Amino acid sequence: MLSSTKAVAAGFLISGILSNAEAQYYKIDSKDAIKTTASTIAYDLMLLYEGNRTGQIPGILPGPPSENKGNYYWWQGGAMMGTYIDYWHLTGDTSYNDVVMQGILHQVGENKDFMPRNHTASLGNDDQGFWGMTAMLAAENRFPDPPEDKPQWLALAQAVWATQADPSRHDSYCNGGLRWQIPFSNAGYDYKNTIANGCFFNIGSRLARYTKNETYAKFAEETWDWIWNVGYIDHESWLVYDGGRVPFNCTDINKATFSYNAAILTQGAAFMYNYTDGEKKWGDRVDNLLDSLIKNFFRDGAAFEVPCEGTQGICTADMITFKGYVHRWLSVVAQIVPHTAEKILPVLQTSAQAAVNQCTGRETGRTCGFYWSGGKFVDPSVDKTTGAGEYMSALAAVSSLLIKDAKPPTTNLTGGTSKGSPNGGFAGGDNGQRPPKPITTADRAGAGIMTLMLAFGAVATFVWMSFMDR
């Protein structure tokens, strides 16, 4: 055992090491400091990725939890790849480009539409959509094109859009809209939520801008109208709600407000504003969503995930990544809807500072947690995660500070090099959906009983929706 004098000295030594680490790695007061901090966080995050190791699967983080393989679901690998594409685009660091390209291409699936059969059990429209948005981001940012014998970024984004535009994904329940899950046997198939439709809206609006093809814009506008008319966007507060269930015609709205739902719609509306050369209705939608988002999801100058952050230990591995998307997507909104920049950029700056202020944990003195507003490191183990989501969000927050010097998303008329599919993405092919058998009289009788059971289970279901794979 150390003497008290030696213990105090050791304490000062450790404190000094941590202070030096913090001083070295986590300053964001200049462009060089931002790049250095982002580089270190990107390095630490990559240490938690096993996809580039012998015998592991490229493109995914350890998981899924349902198989006791890790904390993360398939879609989060796609989100991580997108985070690194933005990191490269904003900093110029090419260190991880080969790993990112390998990871994305490994997950494109048998039909090159991000529907790999080995992930069917957790394949939602939103899961597929996140991979599609990453492919779209690669096209927009001119991420190095894959070899010619591999699927191209734009074609992949178009393929995701086409499968989701297929009529079999849009039934008449709730007057339209995508369901959460793609296979009808998956839990959650009877739920139509904002994030699934938000991904479709977001990809469509970006494809419209990139290709100048009005068909994408038409679908994007129809999707917006459905989300608005079904009541998933509050018409007074502009809060964005999570979804509703088909057996109740989507009137039993789950009013949980997740930041990524608001952010994905804000960015999609921004792309539509840019595509339409500043059409007022899209400008108003951007402004209203943005005001609501900033008001509700930033506290004490930091991004704050409302549904879970008030109590440590209840945020899921999914929710812990949401702050990163907010920073990434809003930074692009500031680029393509210039009048929003004076509102967005100061908020992102303050929030990024809060993020790095708490990245002081563990032996290195630079591990990042999730709870930014408190100013103190909270170990990822509190939320039973490895820290990958925490690093993703911090990396996104820091990298996005460089947005003012970055080129805006390209189009095929402004330098985009990615090749699309020959038919423009409008032939969906295999959409992965097998409709249930026709409804019989016996089925209708059983449905009546089931409706009563569902009514009693509504509250429990909403809790489940908030804390399982989103």
Protein backbone atom coordinates (compact mmCIF):
# COMPACT_ATOMS: atom_id res chain seq x y z
CA MET A 1 0.00 0.00 0.00
CA LEU A 2 1.27 3.53 -0.84
CA SER A 3 2.00 5.96 1.92
CA SER A 4 -0.31 8.96 2.03
CA THR A 5 2.44 11.23 0.67
CA LYS A 6 3.19 8.91 -2.23
CA ALA A 7 -0.53 8.46 -2.91
CA VAL A 8 -1.00 12.22 -3.18
CA ALA A 9 2.02 12.47 -5.47
CA ALA A 10 0.67 9.67 -7.63
CA GLY A 11 -2.65 11.43 -7.75
CA PHE A 12 -1.02 14.63 -8.98
CA LEU A 13 0.92 12.63 -11.57
CA ILE A 14 -2.23 10.97 -12.92
CA SER A 15 -4.04 14.31 -12.90
CA GLY A 16 -1.19 15.82 -14.85
CA ILE A 17 -1.27 13.03 -17.42
CA LEU A 18 -5.00 13.50 -17.90
CA SER A 19 -4.65 17.25 -18.13
CA ASN A 20 -1.92 16.89 -20.76
CA ALA A 21 -4.00 14.39 -22.70
CA GLU A 22 -6.96 16.73 -22.63
CA ALA A 23 -4.81 19.67 -23.68
CA GLN A 24 -3.22 17.67 -26.48
CA TYR A 25 -6.28 16.05 -27.94
CA TYR A 26 -9.39 18.02 -27.19
CA LYS A 27 -9.09 21.58 -28.29
CA ILE A 28 -11.34 22.95 -31.01
CA ASP A 29 -10.34 26.62 -31.02
CA SER A 30 -8.66 26.52 -34.44
CA LYS A 31 -8.91 24.53 -37.66
CA ASP A 32 -5.71 22.65 -36.88
CA ALA A 33 -6.94 21.84 -33.38
CA ILE A 34 -10.28 20.62 -34.74
CA LYS A 35 -8.50 18.32 -37.19
CA THR A 36 -6.19 16.98 -34.48
CA THR A 37 -9.08 16.29 -32.12
CA ALA A 38 -11.17 14.71 -34.87
CA SER A 39 -8.21 12.55 -35.92
CA THR A 40 -7.74 11.21 -32.41
CA ILE A 41 -11.42 10.45 -31.90
CA ALA A 42 -11.57 8.77 -35.32
CA TYR A 43 -8.61 6.60 -34.34
CA ASP A 44 -10.16 5.61 -31.01
CA LEU A 45 -13.49 4.79 -32.66
CA MET A 46 -11.79 2.56 -35.23
CA LEU A 47 -10.29 0.53 -32.38
CA LEU A 48 -13.84 -0.60 -31.57
CA TYR A 49 -14.51 -1.72 -35.15
CA GLU A 50 -13.64 -5.34 -35.82
CA GLY A 51 -14.69 -5.54 -39.46
CA ASN A 52 -11.16 -5.09 -40.81
CA ARG A 53 -9.73 -7.89 -38.68
CA THR A 54 -9.09 -11.42 -39.89
CA GLY A 55 -12.19 -13.58 -39.64
CA GLN A 56 -14.56 -10.69 -38.90
CA ILE A 57 -17.34 -9.24 -41.05
CA PRO A 58 -16.59 -5.93 -42.79
CA GLY A 59 -19.08 -3.09 -42.41
CA ILE A 60 -20.69 -3.87 -39.08
CA LEU A 61 -20.09 -3.11 -35.43
CA PRO A 62 -20.18 -6.03 -32.98
CA GLY A 63 -23.74 -7.34 -32.76
CA PRO A 64 -26.61 -7.80 -32.90
CA PRO A 65 -27.65 -7.87 -29.23
CA SER A 66 -30.40 -10.39 -29.97
CA GLU A 67 -27.70 -12.93 -30.82
CA ASN A 68 -25.45 -11.92 -27.90
CA LYS A 69 -22.75 -10.80 -30.33
CA GLY A 70 -22.49 -7.19 -29.22
CA ASN A 71 -24.33 -3.94 -28.60
CA TYR A 72 -25.01 -2.84 -32.15
CA TYR A 73 -27.50 -3.55 -34.91
CA TRP A 74 -26.69 -3.81 -38.62
CA TRP A 75 -27.77 -0.29 -39.54
CA GLN A 76 -25.33 1.30 -37.12
CA GLY A 77 -22.46 0.00 -39.22
CA GLY A 78 -23.89 2.00 -42.11
CA ALA A 79 -24.17 5.06 -39.92
CA MET A 80 -20.56 4.64 -38.82
CA MET A 81 -19.39 4.40 -42.44
CA GLY A 82 -21.28 7.62 -43.17
CA THR A 83 -19.62 9.32 -40.21
CA TYR A 84 -16.20 8.43 -41.62
CA ILE A 85 -17.16 9.66 -45.10
CA ASP A 86 -18.04 13.01 -43.57
CA TYR A 87 -14.82 12.93 -41.53
CA TRP A 88 -12.77 12.41 -44.71
CA HIS A 89 -14.73 15.07 -46.60
CA LEU A 90 -14.27 17.68 -43.87
CA THR A 91 -10.69 16.97 -42.76
CA GLY A 92 -9.06 15.51 -45.87
CA ASP A 93 -7.74 12.54 -43.89
CA THR A 94 -7.81 9.47 -46.14
CA SER A 95 -6.60 7.03 -43.47
CA TYR A 96 -9.86 5.09 -43.27
CA ASN A 97 -11.14 5.31 -46.85
CA ASP A 98 -10.18 1.75 -47.79
CA VAL A 99 -11.80 0.36 -44.65
CA VAL A 100 -14.97 2.35 -45.34
CA MET A 101 -15.21 1.27 -48.96
CA GLN A 102 -14.64 -2.36 -48.02
CA GLY A 103 -17.29 -2.17 -45.29
CA ILE A 104 -19.99 -0.61 -47.47
CA LEU A 105 -19.43 -2.90 -50.43
CA HIS A 106 -19.47 -5.99 -48.22
CA GLN A 107 -22.98 -5.14 -47.02
CA VAL A 108 -24.71 -4.31 -50.31
CA GLY A 109 -26.53 -7.64 -50.37
CA GLU A 110 -27.21 -10.16 -53.07
CA ASN A 111 -29.27 -7.73 -55.20
CA LYS A 112 -27.06 -4.70 -54.54
CA ASP A 113 -29.80 -2.87 -52.65
CA PHE A 114 -28.63 -3.20 -49.03
CA MET A 115 -30.93 -6.09 -48.23
CA PRO A 116 -28.49 -8.88 -47.29
CA ARG A 117 -30.32 -12.08 -46.42
CA ASN A 118 -28.29 -12.69 -43.29
CA HIS A 119 -29.75 -9.51 -41.74
CA THR A 120 -33.40 -10.18 -42.58
CA ALA A 121 -34.34 -10.59 -38.91
CA SER A 122 -33.61 -6.93 -38.22
CA LEU A 123 -34.23 -5.50 -41.68
CA GLY A 124 -36.43 -2.44 -41.42
CA ASN A 125 -36.99 0.25 -44.01
CA ASP A 126 -34.98 2.53 -41.74
CA ASP A 127 -32.10 0.03 -41.50
CA GLN A 128 -31.91 -0.22 -45.27
CA GLY A 129 -32.42 3.53 -45.49
CA PHE A 130 -29.38 4.36 -43.36
CA TRP A 131 -27.14 2.36 -45.68
CA GLY A 132 -28.79 4.07 -48.64
CA MET A 133 -28.13 7.50 -47.14
CA THR A 134 -24.48 6.56 -46.66
CA ALA A 135 -24.22 5.58 -50.32
CA MET A 136 -25.91 8.86 -51.26
CA LEU A 137 -23.44 10.75 -49.08
CA ALA A 138 -20.54 9.04 -50.84
CA ALA A 139 -21.90 10.19 -54.19
CA GLU A 140 -22.52 13.76 -52.98
CA ASN A 141 -19.11 14.12 -51.33
CA ARG A 142 -17.24 12.51 -54.24
CA PHE A 143 -15.92 9.76 -52.03
CA PRO A 144 -13.56 7.63 -54.18
CA ASP A 145 -15.62 5.55 -56.60
CA PRO A 146 -15.51 1.76 -56.23
CA PRO A 147 -13.82 -0.37 -58.90
CA GLU A 148 -15.86 -0.55 -62.09
CA ASP A 149 -16.88 -4.16 -61.44
CA LYS A 150 -18.48 -3.15 -58.13
CA PRO A 151 -21.81 -1.37 -57.51
CA GLN A 152 -21.46 2.41 -57.60
CA TRP A 153 -22.57 4.84 -54.87
CA LEU A 154 -25.34 6.57 -56.81
CA ALA A 155 -26.67 3.28 -58.15
CA LEU A 156 -26.83 1.88 -54.61
CA ALA A 157 -28.78 4.88 -53.34
CA GLN A 158 -31.14 4.59 -56.30
CA ALA A 159 -31.63 0.88 -55.64
CA VAL A 160 -32.62 1.52 -52.03
CA TRP A 161 -35.02 4.23 -53.11
CA ALA A 162 -36.51 2.00 -55.83
CA THR A 163 -37.20 -0.91 -53.50
CA GLN A 164 -38.84 1.46 -51.03
CA ALA A 165 -40.88 3.14 -53.76
CA ASP A 166 -42.20 -0.24 -54.92
CA PRO A 167 -46.00 -0.35 -54.51
CA SER A 168 -45.81 -3.44 -52.32
CA ARG A 169 -44.15 -1.36 -49.60
CA HIS A 170 -47.02 1.14 -49.56
CA ASP A 171 -50.38 -0.30 -48.55
CA SER A 172 -53.65 1.52 -47.88
CA TYR A 173 -53.51 1.23 -44.08
CA CYS A 174 -53.15 4.65 -42.46
CA ASN A 175 -53.70 6.05 -45.98
CA GLY A 176 -50.24 4.99 -47.06
CA GLY A 177 -46.75 5.27 -45.67
CA LEU A 178 -43.93 2.78 -45.20
CA ARG A 179 -44.03 0.24 -42.42
CA TRP A 180 -41.17 0.06 -39.98
CA GLN A 181 -40.14 -3.50 -40.93
CA ILE A 182 -39.83 -4.98 -44.41
CA PRO A 183 -40.56 -8.71 -43.89
CA PHE A 184 -44.10 -9.08 -42.59
CA SER A 185 -42.92 -11.71 -40.09
CA ASN A 186 -40.66 -9.24 -38.24
CA ALA A 187 -41.76 -7.76 -34.94
CA GLY A 188 -42.80 -4.18 -35.61
CA TYR A 189 -44.29 -4.86 -39.05
CA ASP A 190 -47.58 -3.37 -37.83
CA TYR A 191 -45.88 -0.06 -37.00
CA LYS A 192 -45.54 2.84 -39.42
CA ASN A 193 -42.96 5.24 -38.11
CA THR A 194 -41.31 8.52 -38.91
CA ILE A 195 -37.76 7.26 -39.31
CA ALA A 196 -38.63 4.72 -42.01
CA ASN A 197 -40.55 7.32 -43.99
CA GLY A 198 -37.97 9.96 -43.10
CA CYS A 199 -35.17 7.92 -44.66
CA PHE A 200 -37.23 7.47 -47.85
CA PHE A 201 -38.04 11.19 -47.91
CA ASN A 202 -34.42 12.13 -47.26
CA ILE A 203 -32.96 9.90 -49.97
CA GLY A 204 -35.62 10.97 -52.46
CA SER A 205 -35.04 14.67 -51.88
CA ARG A 206 -31.30 14.22 -52.31
CA LEU A 207 -31.70 12.13 -55.45
CA ALA A 208 -33.99 14.82 -56.86
CA ARG A 209 -31.32 17.45 -56.31
CA TYR A 210 -28.48 15.24 -57.55
CA THR A 211 -30.15 13.95 -60.72
CA LYS A 212 -32.69 16.73 -61.41
CA ASN A 213 -35.27 13.99 -61.97
CA GLU A 214 -38.72 15.19 -60.96
CA THR A 215 -39.94 11.68 -60.11
CA TYR A 216 -37.80 11.64 -56.96
CA ALA A 217 -39.14 15.04 -55.94
CA LYS A 218 -42.72 13.93 -56.50
CA PHE A 219 -42.30 10.93 -54.20
CA ALA A 220 -40.50 13.07 -51.61
CA GLU A 221 -43.34 15.57 -51.54
CA GLU A 222 -45.95 12.82 -51.25
CA THR A 223 -44.00 11.29 -48.37
CA TRP A 224 -43.82 14.64 -46.59
CA ASP A 225 -47.56 15.10 -47.07
CA TRP A 226 -48.24 11.66 -45.58
CA ILE A 227 -46.08 12.31 -42.51
CA TRP A 228 -47.79 15.67 -42.01
CA ASN A 229 -51.35 14.44 -42.61
CA VAL A 230 -51.03 11.39 -40.35
CA GLY A 231 -50.01 13.73 -37.53
CA TYR A 232 -46.42 12.63 -36.95
CA ILE A 233 -45.40 16.30 -37.11
CA ASP A 234 -47.27 18.41 -34.57
CA HIS A 235 -48.98 21.21 -36.50
CA GLU A 236 -48.44 23.75 -33.71
CA SER A 237 -45.14 22.92 -32.01
CA TRP A 238 -43.49 21.15 -34.97
CA LEU A 239 -42.36 18.41 -32.64
CA VAL A 240 -41.77 15.21 -34.60
CA TYR A 241 -43.35 12.08 -33.11
CA ASP A 242 -42.23 8.50 -33.52
CA GLY A 243 -45.13 6.65 -35.20
CA GLY A 244 -48.38 4.75 -34.90
CA ARG A 245 -49.74 1.23 -35.40
CA VAL A 246 -51.64 -0.17 -38.33
CA PRO A 247 -54.39 -1.87 -36.23
CA PHE A 248 -55.34 1.61 -34.99
CA ASN A 249 -55.02 3.30 -38.37
CA CYS A 250 -51.93 5.08 -36.97
CA THR A 251 -54.10 7.25 -34.71
CA ASP A 252 -52.47 5.88 -31.54
CA ILE A 253 -49.45 8.10 -32.07
CA ASN A 254 -46.38 7.35 -29.98
CA LYS A 255 -45.37 10.90 -29.02
CA ALA A 256 -41.80 10.04 -28.13
CA THR A 257 -39.61 12.70 -29.71
CA PHE A 258 -36.23 11.46 -30.93
CA SER A 259 -33.75 14.01 -32.24
CA TYR A 260 -32.85 12.04 -35.37
CA ASN A 261 -36.48 12.06 -36.51
CA ALA A 262 -36.54 15.85 -36.43
CA ALA A 263 -33.09 16.13 -38.00
CA ILE A 264 -33.70 13.75 -40.90
CA LEU A 265 -36.84 15.65 -41.91
CA THR A 266 -35.09 19.00 -41.54
CA GLN A 267 -32.27 17.92 -43.83
CA GLY A 268 -34.66 16.38 -46.35
CA ALA A 269 -36.72 19.57 -46.43
CA ALA A 270 -33.51 21.56 -46.91
CA PHE A 271 -32.61 19.51 -49.97
CA MET A 272 -36.09 20.09 -51.36
CA TYR A 273 -35.70 23.83 -50.71
CA ASN A 274 -32.41 23.79 -52.60
CA TYR A 275 -33.82 21.65 -55.41
CA THR A 276 -36.81 23.96 -55.90
CA ASP A 277 -34.58 27.07 -55.95
CA GLY A 278 -35.89 28.34 -52.66
CA GLU A 279 -39.61 27.51 -52.81
CA LYS A 280 -41.22 29.24 -49.84
CA LYS A 281 -43.14 26.27 -48.47
CA TRP A 282 -39.94 24.27 -48.14
CA GLY A 283 -38.15 27.22 -46.57
CA ASP A 284 -40.94 27.54 -44.02
CA ARG A 285 -40.77 23.84 -43.26
CA VAL A 286 -37.02 23.99 -42.73
CA ASP A 287 -37.34 27.02 -40.44
CA ASN A 288 -40.16 25.57 -38.35
CA LEU A 289 -38.52 22.19 -37.92
CA LEU A 290 -35.19 23.81 -37.13
CA ASP A 291 -36.60 26.13 -34.49
CA SER A 292 -38.40 23.26 -32.81
CA LEU A 293 -35.34 21.01 -32.97
CA ILE A 294 -32.98 23.57 -31.44
CA LYS A 295 -35.48 24.47 -28.75
CA ASN A 296 -36.14 20.88 -27.68
CA PHE A 297 -32.88 19.01 -28.27
CA PHE A 298 -30.21 21.41 -27.02
CA ARG A 299 -29.88 22.09 -23.31
CA ASP A 300 -27.19 24.12 -21.56
CA GLY A 301 -25.55 24.55 -24.95
CA ALA A 302 -25.29 20.84 -25.70
CA ALA A 303 -27.20 18.29 -27.76
CA PHE A 304 -29.59 16.45 -25.45
CA GLU A 305 -31.60 13.30 -26.21
CA VAL A 306 -34.92 14.02 -24.54
CA PRO A 307 -36.53 10.54 -24.23
CA CYS A 308 -33.70 9.00 -22.24
CA GLU A 309 -31.03 11.42 -21.13
CA GLY A 310 -32.66 12.61 -17.94
CA THR A 311 -31.75 9.31 -16.28
CA GLN A 312 -28.33 7.78 -16.87
CA GLY A 313 -28.28 4.13 -17.79
CA ILE A 314 -31.48 3.93 -19.83
CA CYS A 315 -30.26 5.22 -23.21
CA THR A 316 -29.96 2.43 -25.77
CA ALA A 317 -27.01 1.94 -28.11
CA ASP A 318 -29.24 3.34 -30.87
CA MET A 319 -30.16 6.53 -29.04
CA ILE A 320 -26.56 7.20 -28.13
CA THR A 321 -25.73 7.75 -31.83
CA PHE A 322 -28.47 10.29 -32.50
CA LYS A 323 -26.53 13.43 -31.50
CA GLY A 324 -23.98 12.70 -34.20
CA TYR A 325 -26.64 12.63 -36.91
CA VAL A 326 -28.08 15.91 -35.66
CA HIS A 327 -24.68 17.59 -35.98
CA ARG A 328 -23.90 16.05 -39.36
CA TRP A 329 -27.27 16.75 -40.94
CA LEU A 330 -27.74 20.27 -39.58
CA SER A 331 -24.29 21.28 -40.79
CA VAL A 332 -25.36 20.40 -44.33
CA VAL A 333 -28.62 22.32 -43.86
CA ALA A 334 -26.49 25.39 -43.07
CA GLN A 335 -24.70 24.90 -46.41
CA ILE A 336 -27.64 24.40 -48.75
CA VAL A 337 -30.10 26.76 -47.02
CA PRO A 338 -27.73 29.66 -46.35
CA HIS A 339 -30.10 31.77 -44.27
CA THR A 340 -30.06 29.07 -41.57
CA ALA A 341 -26.29 29.20 -41.05
CA GLU A 342 -26.34 32.05 -38.54
CA LYS A 343 -28.76 30.03 -36.43
CA ILE A 344 -27.20 26.59 -36.81
CA LEU A 345 -23.44 27.11 -36.67
CA PRO A 346 -23.21 28.77 -33.24
CA VAL A 347 -25.38 26.02 -31.76
CA LEU A 348 -23.19 23.30 -33.25
CA GLN A 349 -20.04 25.07 -32.03
CA THR A 350 -21.26 25.27 -28.44
CA SER A 351 -22.51 21.70 -28.50
CA ALA A 352 -19.22 20.39 -29.91
CA GLN A 353 -17.35 22.18 -27.15
CA ALA A 354 -19.59 20.50 -24.60
CA ALA A 355 -18.90 17.16 -26.28
CA VAL A 356 -15.13 17.43 -26.06
CA ASN A 357 -15.22 18.85 -22.55
CA GLN A 358 -16.41 15.50 -21.25
CA CYS A 359 -14.12 13.34 -23.42
CA THR A 360 -11.69 12.84 -20.53
CA GLY A 361 -12.33 9.30 -19.40
CA ARG A 362 -10.50 6.07 -18.64
CA GLU A 363 -6.75 5.48 -18.70
CA THR A 364 -6.05 7.57 -21.80
CA GLY A 365 -7.91 10.57 -20.44
CA ARG A 366 -9.64 10.96 -23.80
CA THR A 367 -12.53 8.46 -23.82
CA CYS A 368 -15.85 10.07 -24.76
CA GLY A 369 -19.17 9.58 -23.03
CA PHE A 370 -22.71 10.40 -24.06
CA TYR A 371 -23.86 13.00 -21.52
CA TRP A 372 -22.52 16.29 -22.84
CA SER A 373 -24.52 18.91 -20.96
CA GLY A 374 -23.18 17.91 -17.53
CA GLY A 375 -19.59 18.65 -18.48
CA LYS A 376 -18.30 15.47 -16.84
CA PHE A 377 -17.32 12.12 -18.30
CA VAL A 378 -19.84 9.32 -17.72
CA ASP A 379 -18.42 5.94 -18.63
CA PRO A 380 -20.16 4.18 -21.56
CA SER A 381 -20.53 1.12 -19.34
CA VAL A 382 -23.31 2.99 -17.52
CA ASP A 383 -25.47 2.48 -20.61
CA LYS A 384 -23.97 -0.97 -21.25
CA THR A 385 -22.22 0.03 -24.47
CA THR A 386 -18.64 -0.29 -25.68
CA GLY A 387 -18.43 3.39 -26.52
CA ALA A 388 -18.66 3.21 -30.32
CA GLY A 389 -21.84 5.28 -30.44
CA GLU A 390 -20.39 7.82 -28.03
CA TYR A 391 -17.29 8.23 -30.20
CA MET A 392 -19.41 8.45 -33.37
CA SER A 393 -21.38 11.36 -31.98
CA ALA A 394 -18.30 13.18 -30.69
CA LEU A 395 -16.49 12.66 -33.99
CA ALA A 396 -19.46 14.02 -35.93
CA ALA A 397 -19.74 17.05 -33.64
CA VAL A 398 -16.06 17.96 -33.99
CA SER A 399 -15.73 17.23 -37.72
CA SER A 400 -18.85 19.25 -38.54
CA LEU A 401 -17.17 22.40 -37.26
CA LEU A 402 -15.21 22.44 -40.53
CA ILE A 403 -18.35 22.70 -42.66
CA LYS A 404 -17.81 26.37 -43.54
CA ASP A 405 -14.72 25.48 -45.59
CA ALA A 406 -16.14 22.32 -47.13
CA LYS A 407 -17.65 22.00 -50.59
CA PRO A 408 -21.44 21.57 -50.55
CA PRO A 409 -22.96 18.31 -51.76
CA THR A 410 -22.33 17.89 -55.47
CA THR A 411 -24.80 16.97 -58.18
CA ASN A 412 -24.27 15.31 -61.53
CA LEU A 413 -24.05 18.85 -62.98
CA THR A 414 -21.58 20.23 -60.43
CA GLY A 415 -18.82 17.65 -60.42
CA GLY A 416 -20.45 14.45 -59.22
CA THR A 417 -18.71 11.41 -60.66
CA SER A 418 -20.72 8.49 -59.32
CA LYS A 419 -22.63 6.47 -61.88
CA GLY A 420 -26.30 5.64 -61.49
CA SER A 421 -28.20 2.56 -62.52
CA PRO A 422 -29.12 2.32 -66.23
CA ASN A 423 -32.84 2.73 -65.59
CA GLY A 424 -32.44 5.60 -63.15
CA GLY A 425 -33.40 3.51 -60.17
CA PHE A 426 -37.08 3.24 -61.01
CA ALA A 427 -37.23 -0.55 -61.44
CA GLY A 428 -37.20 -1.97 -57.96
CA GLY A 429 -36.54 -5.67 -58.54
CA ASP A 430 -36.83 -7.90 -55.48
CA ASN A 431 -38.17 -5.73 -52.67
CA GLY A 432 -37.88 -8.45 -50.06
CA GLN A 433 -41.57 -8.40 -49.26
CA ARG A 434 -43.89 -11.37 -49.40
CA PRO A 435 -47.48 -10.30 -48.76
CA PRO A 436 -49.60 -12.33 -46.34
CA LYS A 437 -52.30 -14.63 -47.67
CA PRO A 438 -55.73 -13.11 -48.47
CA ILE A 439 -57.92 -12.31 -45.45
CA THR A 440 -60.74 -14.78 -44.73
CA THR A 441 -63.89 -14.51 -42.59
CA ALA A 442 -62.12 -16.45 -39.82
CA ASP A 443 -59.22 -14.03 -40.01
CA ARG A 444 -61.59 -11.07 -39.56
CA ALA A 445 -63.12 -12.66 -36.48
CA GLY A 446 -59.68 -13.29 -35.05
CA ALA A 447 -58.68 -9.74 -35.88
CA GLY A 448 -61.49 -8.40 -33.72
CA ILE A 449 -60.19 -10.31 -30.72
CA MET A 450 -56.64 -9.23 -31.52
CA THR A 451 -57.66 -5.58 -31.66
CA LEU A 452 -59.00 -5.77 -28.11
CA MET A 453 -55.76 -7.38 -26.96
CA LEU A 454 -53.72 -4.73 -28.69
CA ALA A 455 -55.70 -1.94 -27.08
CA PHE A 456 -54.82 -3.23 -23.61
CA GLY A 457 -51.18 -3.54 -24.62
CA ALA A 458 -50.74 -0.08 -26.12
CA VAL A 459 -48.72 1.45 -23.33
CA ALA A 460 -46.39 -1.52 -23.11
CA THR A 461 -45.87 -1.45 -26.86
CA PHE A 462 -44.84 2.20 -26.84
CA VAL A 463 -42.28 1.47 -24.15
CA TRP A 464 -40.97 -1.38 -26.30
CA MET A 465 -40.77 0.86 -29.36
CA SER A 466 -38.66 3.34 -27.44
CA PHE A 467 -36.05 0.92 -26.20
CA MET A 468 -35.53 -1.80 -28.80
CA ASP A 469 -33.72 -1.60 -32.14
CA ARG A 470 -34.93 1.51 -33.91
